[in-house]
Every structure is written in structure tokens, then in C-alpha cells.
N, C-alpha and C. Protein backbone atom coordinates (compact mmCIF):
# COMPACT_ATOMS: atom_id res chain seq x y z
N UNK A 1 -7.28 2.06 16.66
CA UNK A 1 -7.17 2.14 15.22
C UNK A 1 -8.24 3.07 14.68
N UNK A 2 -7.94 3.70 13.57
CA UNK A 2 -8.94 4.53 12.92
C UNK A 2 -8.80 4.37 11.41
N UNK A 3 -9.85 4.70 10.71
CA UNK A 3 -9.82 4.56 9.26
C UNK A 3 -8.93 5.64 8.64
N UNK A 4 -8.55 5.42 7.41
CA UNK A 4 -7.73 6.41 6.69
C UNK A 4 -8.47 7.73 6.57
N UNK A 5 -9.78 7.67 6.33
CA UNK A 5 -10.56 8.90 6.21
C UNK A 5 -10.57 9.68 7.52
N UNK A 6 -10.70 8.96 8.64
CA UNK A 6 -10.69 9.62 9.94
C UNK A 6 -9.31 10.22 10.22
N UNK A 7 -8.25 9.51 9.87
CA UNK A 7 -6.89 10.02 10.07
C UNK A 7 -6.66 11.28 9.24
N UNK A 8 -7.11 11.28 7.99
CA UNK A 8 -6.97 12.47 7.15
C UNK A 8 -7.77 13.64 7.70
N UNK A 9 -8.96 13.34 8.20
CA UNK A 9 -9.79 14.38 8.80
C UNK A 9 -9.11 15.00 10.00
N UNK A 10 -8.51 14.15 10.85
CA UNK A 10 -7.81 14.67 12.03
C UNK A 10 -6.57 15.45 11.61
N UNK A 11 -5.86 14.98 10.60
CA UNK A 11 -4.67 15.70 10.12
C UNK A 11 -5.07 17.07 9.62
N UNK A 12 -6.16 17.15 8.89
CA UNK A 12 -6.63 18.45 8.40
C UNK A 12 -6.96 19.37 9.57
N UNK A 13 -7.72 18.85 10.51
CA UNK A 13 -8.17 19.68 11.63
C UNK A 13 -7.01 20.18 12.49
N UNK A 14 -6.08 19.30 12.84
CA UNK A 14 -5.03 19.66 13.79
C UNK A 14 -3.79 20.27 13.14
N UNK A 15 -3.51 19.93 11.90
CA UNK A 15 -2.25 20.36 11.29
C UNK A 15 -2.46 21.29 10.11
N UNK A 16 -3.19 20.84 9.13
CA UNK A 16 -3.24 21.55 7.86
C UNK A 16 -4.08 22.82 7.90
N UNK A 17 -5.09 22.86 8.74
CA UNK A 17 -5.98 24.01 8.77
C UNK A 17 -5.22 25.29 9.12
N UNK A 18 -4.21 25.19 9.96
CA UNK A 18 -3.46 26.36 10.36
C UNK A 18 -2.28 26.70 9.46
N UNK A 19 -2.07 25.93 8.42
CA UNK A 19 -0.93 26.14 7.52
C UNK A 19 -1.40 26.84 6.25
N UNK A 20 -0.92 28.05 6.02
CA UNK A 20 -1.30 28.77 4.81
C UNK A 20 -0.51 28.34 3.58
N UNK A 21 0.70 27.83 3.79
CA UNK A 21 1.57 27.49 2.66
C UNK A 21 1.69 25.98 2.50
N UNK A 22 0.62 25.25 2.73
CA UNK A 22 0.66 23.80 2.63
C UNK A 22 -0.23 23.38 1.49
N UNK A 23 0.33 22.75 0.44
CA UNK A 23 -0.42 22.36 -0.74
C UNK A 23 -1.04 20.97 -0.52
N UNK A 24 -2.33 20.91 -0.42
CA UNK A 24 -3.04 19.65 -0.18
C UNK A 24 -4.09 19.48 -1.25
N UNK A 25 -4.19 18.27 -1.77
CA UNK A 25 -5.24 17.94 -2.73
C UNK A 25 -6.08 16.82 -2.14
N UNK A 26 -7.36 17.04 -2.03
CA UNK A 26 -8.26 16.03 -1.50
C UNK A 26 -8.88 15.26 -2.65
N UNK A 27 -9.05 13.99 -2.46
CA UNK A 27 -9.63 13.13 -3.49
C UNK A 27 -11.13 13.40 -3.58
N UNK A 28 -11.61 13.61 -4.80
CA UNK A 28 -13.04 13.79 -5.01
C UNK A 28 -13.65 12.45 -5.36
N UNK A 29 -14.25 11.84 -4.40
CA UNK A 29 -14.83 10.52 -4.59
C UNK A 29 -14.19 9.52 -3.65
N UNK A 30 -14.54 8.27 -3.84
CA UNK A 30 -14.05 7.18 -3.01
C UNK A 30 -12.58 6.91 -3.34
N UNK A 31 -11.71 6.94 -2.33
CA UNK A 31 -10.27 6.75 -2.54
C UNK A 31 -9.99 5.38 -3.14
N UNK A 32 -10.70 4.36 -2.68
CA UNK A 32 -10.50 3.01 -3.22
C UNK A 32 -10.80 2.93 -4.69
N UNK A 33 -11.93 3.52 -5.09
CA UNK A 33 -12.34 3.48 -6.49
C UNK A 33 -11.50 4.39 -7.37
N UNK A 34 -11.13 5.55 -6.87
CA UNK A 34 -10.43 6.54 -7.68
C UNK A 34 -8.92 6.34 -7.74
N UNK A 35 -8.33 5.76 -6.68
CA UNK A 35 -6.87 5.66 -6.62
C UNK A 35 -6.40 4.21 -6.50
N UNK A 36 -6.89 3.50 -5.48
CA UNK A 36 -6.36 2.16 -5.19
C UNK A 36 -6.71 1.12 -6.25
N UNK A 37 -7.97 1.06 -6.67
CA UNK A 37 -8.35 0.05 -7.67
C UNK A 37 -7.62 0.23 -9.00
N UNK A 38 -7.49 1.45 -9.55
CA UNK A 38 -6.71 1.59 -10.78
C UNK A 38 -5.24 1.23 -10.59
N UNK A 39 -4.68 1.54 -9.42
CA UNK A 39 -3.28 1.21 -9.15
C UNK A 39 -3.10 -0.30 -9.07
N UNK A 40 -4.01 -0.99 -8.38
CA UNK A 40 -3.96 -2.46 -8.29
C UNK A 40 -4.07 -3.06 -9.69
N UNK A 41 -4.99 -2.56 -10.51
CA UNK A 41 -5.14 -3.06 -11.88
C UNK A 41 -3.88 -2.86 -12.69
N UNK A 42 -3.23 -1.71 -12.54
CA UNK A 42 -1.97 -1.43 -13.23
C UNK A 42 -0.90 -2.43 -12.81
N UNK A 43 -0.77 -2.64 -11.50
CA UNK A 43 0.25 -3.57 -10.99
C UNK A 43 -0.03 -5.00 -11.42
N UNK A 44 -1.31 -5.42 -11.40
CA UNK A 44 -1.66 -6.77 -11.85
C UNK A 44 -1.32 -6.93 -13.33
N UNK A 45 -1.49 -5.88 -14.11
CA UNK A 45 -1.12 -5.91 -15.53
C UNK A 45 0.37 -6.09 -15.73
N UNK A 46 1.16 -5.73 -14.72
CA UNK A 46 2.62 -5.90 -14.76
C UNK A 46 3.06 -7.25 -14.19
N UNK A 47 2.06 -8.09 -13.78
CA UNK A 47 2.38 -9.41 -13.27
C UNK A 47 2.40 -9.53 -11.76
N UNK A 48 2.03 -8.48 -11.04
CA UNK A 48 2.00 -8.52 -9.58
C UNK A 48 0.78 -9.31 -9.13
N UNK A 49 0.97 -10.21 -8.15
CA UNK A 49 -0.13 -10.96 -7.56
C UNK A 49 -0.37 -10.45 -6.15
N UNK A 50 -1.63 -10.19 -5.80
CA UNK A 50 -2.00 -9.77 -4.46
C UNK A 50 -2.58 -10.97 -3.73
N UNK A 51 -2.05 -11.27 -2.54
CA UNK A 51 -2.49 -12.41 -1.76
C UNK A 51 -3.10 -11.91 -0.46
N UNK A 52 -4.42 -11.99 -0.37
CA UNK A 52 -5.10 -11.55 0.84
C UNK A 52 -4.79 -12.49 2.00
N UNK A 53 -4.73 -11.95 3.19
CA UNK A 53 -4.49 -12.76 4.38
C UNK A 53 -3.04 -13.15 4.55
N UNK A 54 -2.12 -12.45 3.89
CA UNK A 54 -0.70 -12.74 4.03
C UNK A 54 0.05 -11.49 4.45
N UNK A 55 1.21 -11.70 5.03
CA UNK A 55 2.06 -10.60 5.46
C UNK A 55 3.44 -10.81 4.84
N UNK A 56 4.00 -9.77 4.25
CA UNK A 56 5.34 -9.86 3.66
C UNK A 56 6.35 -9.91 4.80
N UNK A 57 7.19 -10.93 4.80
CA UNK A 57 8.20 -11.11 5.85
C UNK A 57 9.59 -10.74 5.37
N UNK A 58 9.78 -10.75 4.05
CA UNK A 58 11.10 -10.42 3.53
C UNK A 58 11.11 -10.41 2.01
N UNK A 59 12.18 -9.84 1.47
CA UNK A 59 12.38 -9.76 0.02
C UNK A 59 13.77 -10.29 -0.32
N UNK A 60 13.89 -10.94 -1.47
CA UNK A 60 15.18 -11.45 -1.94
C UNK A 60 15.54 -10.79 -3.26
N UNK A 61 16.82 -10.50 -3.41
CA UNK A 61 17.33 -10.02 -4.70
C UNK A 61 18.53 -10.89 -5.06
N UNK A 62 18.22 -12.11 -5.51
CA UNK A 62 19.25 -13.11 -5.80
C UNK A 62 20.33 -12.62 -6.74
N UNK A 63 19.96 -11.76 -7.67
CA UNK A 63 20.93 -11.30 -8.66
C UNK A 63 21.92 -10.29 -8.10
N UNK A 64 21.60 -9.68 -6.97
CA UNK A 64 22.49 -8.70 -6.38
C UNK A 64 22.43 -7.34 -7.03
N UNK A 65 21.53 -7.16 -8.01
CA UNK A 65 21.43 -5.87 -8.70
C UNK A 65 20.30 -5.01 -8.15
N UNK A 66 19.67 -5.44 -7.05
CA UNK A 66 18.59 -4.68 -6.45
C UNK A 66 17.21 -5.04 -6.97
N UNK A 67 17.13 -5.93 -7.95
CA UNK A 67 15.84 -6.36 -8.48
C UNK A 67 15.27 -7.44 -7.56
N UNK A 68 14.05 -7.25 -7.10
CA UNK A 68 13.41 -8.23 -6.23
C UNK A 68 13.03 -9.45 -7.05
N UNK A 69 13.50 -10.62 -6.62
CA UNK A 69 13.22 -11.86 -7.34
C UNK A 69 12.28 -12.78 -6.58
N UNK A 70 12.18 -12.60 -5.26
CA UNK A 70 11.32 -13.45 -4.44
C UNK A 70 10.73 -12.64 -3.29
N UNK A 71 9.52 -13.04 -2.88
CA UNK A 71 8.87 -12.43 -1.73
C UNK A 71 8.54 -13.53 -0.75
N UNK A 72 8.99 -13.40 0.50
CA UNK A 72 8.68 -14.37 1.54
C UNK A 72 7.46 -13.88 2.29
N UNK A 73 6.39 -14.70 2.30
CA UNK A 73 5.13 -14.32 2.93
C UNK A 73 4.79 -15.26 4.05
N UNK A 74 4.01 -14.76 5.00
CA UNK A 74 3.50 -15.57 6.09
C UNK A 74 1.99 -15.46 6.06
N UNK A 75 1.31 -16.60 6.10
CA UNK A 75 -0.15 -16.58 6.10
C UNK A 75 -0.66 -16.28 7.50
N UNK A 76 -1.96 -16.13 7.64
CA UNK A 76 -2.55 -15.82 8.92
C UNK A 76 -2.17 -16.88 9.96
N UNK A 77 -2.07 -18.13 9.54
CA UNK A 77 -1.70 -19.22 10.44
C UNK A 77 -0.22 -19.25 10.77
N UNK A 78 0.58 -18.47 10.07
CA UNK A 78 1.99 -18.38 10.36
C UNK A 78 2.90 -19.21 9.46
N UNK A 79 2.34 -19.97 8.51
CA UNK A 79 3.17 -20.77 7.60
C UNK A 79 3.87 -19.87 6.60
N UNK A 80 5.17 -20.07 6.41
CA UNK A 80 5.93 -19.27 5.46
C UNK A 80 5.88 -19.88 4.07
N UNK A 81 5.88 -19.02 3.07
CA UNK A 81 5.86 -19.46 1.69
C UNK A 81 6.63 -18.44 0.87
N UNK A 82 7.37 -18.92 -0.14
CA UNK A 82 8.14 -18.03 -0.98
C UNK A 82 7.52 -17.98 -2.36
N UNK A 83 7.41 -16.78 -2.90
CA UNK A 83 6.85 -16.58 -4.24
C UNK A 83 7.90 -15.91 -5.08
N UNK A 84 8.11 -16.45 -6.29
CA UNK A 84 9.09 -15.87 -7.20
C UNK A 84 8.39 -15.10 -8.29
């Protein structure tokens, strides 16, 4: 495993450096502070709940119109729980 920063660094070195027609924008500052935290705040403002230590196992769209109505999660211990 490697960090996102290391992966981006390797991508730049092996792929992007040799591409003249590749449009890349690098984040100026900490990616978490500049991109992820504002995005999480935006989603929480829309009613999204983030549950640490869980893994999404499935999604339900009871209405059949493509709108997600439930999220099935599994905790670290493996217990399943549904959130609406």
C-alpha cells in the first residue's frame, strides 16, 4: 500500500512527465484540508452521515426510481446494519 501523495508522485514521474498534452492541476496545500474537508462538510449539510470503521456492503432504491433510500453497512466486527 502507498499513500495518495506517493501514488500521485509516481503517476507524475512515470506517466505525466512524458505527456506534453496532458492537463494536470496539482493541489496547492493539504488535499484533506483543501478538498476533502469542505466536501465532507457540504455532504453533511445535505444530511449525509459518515460512519468510521464501517464498510458499505450494498445500496437499496426501494422506490425503483434510482434514488438511494438505504445503505447496508458492515462494521469492523462484521455485524450488518441498515441506515435509511
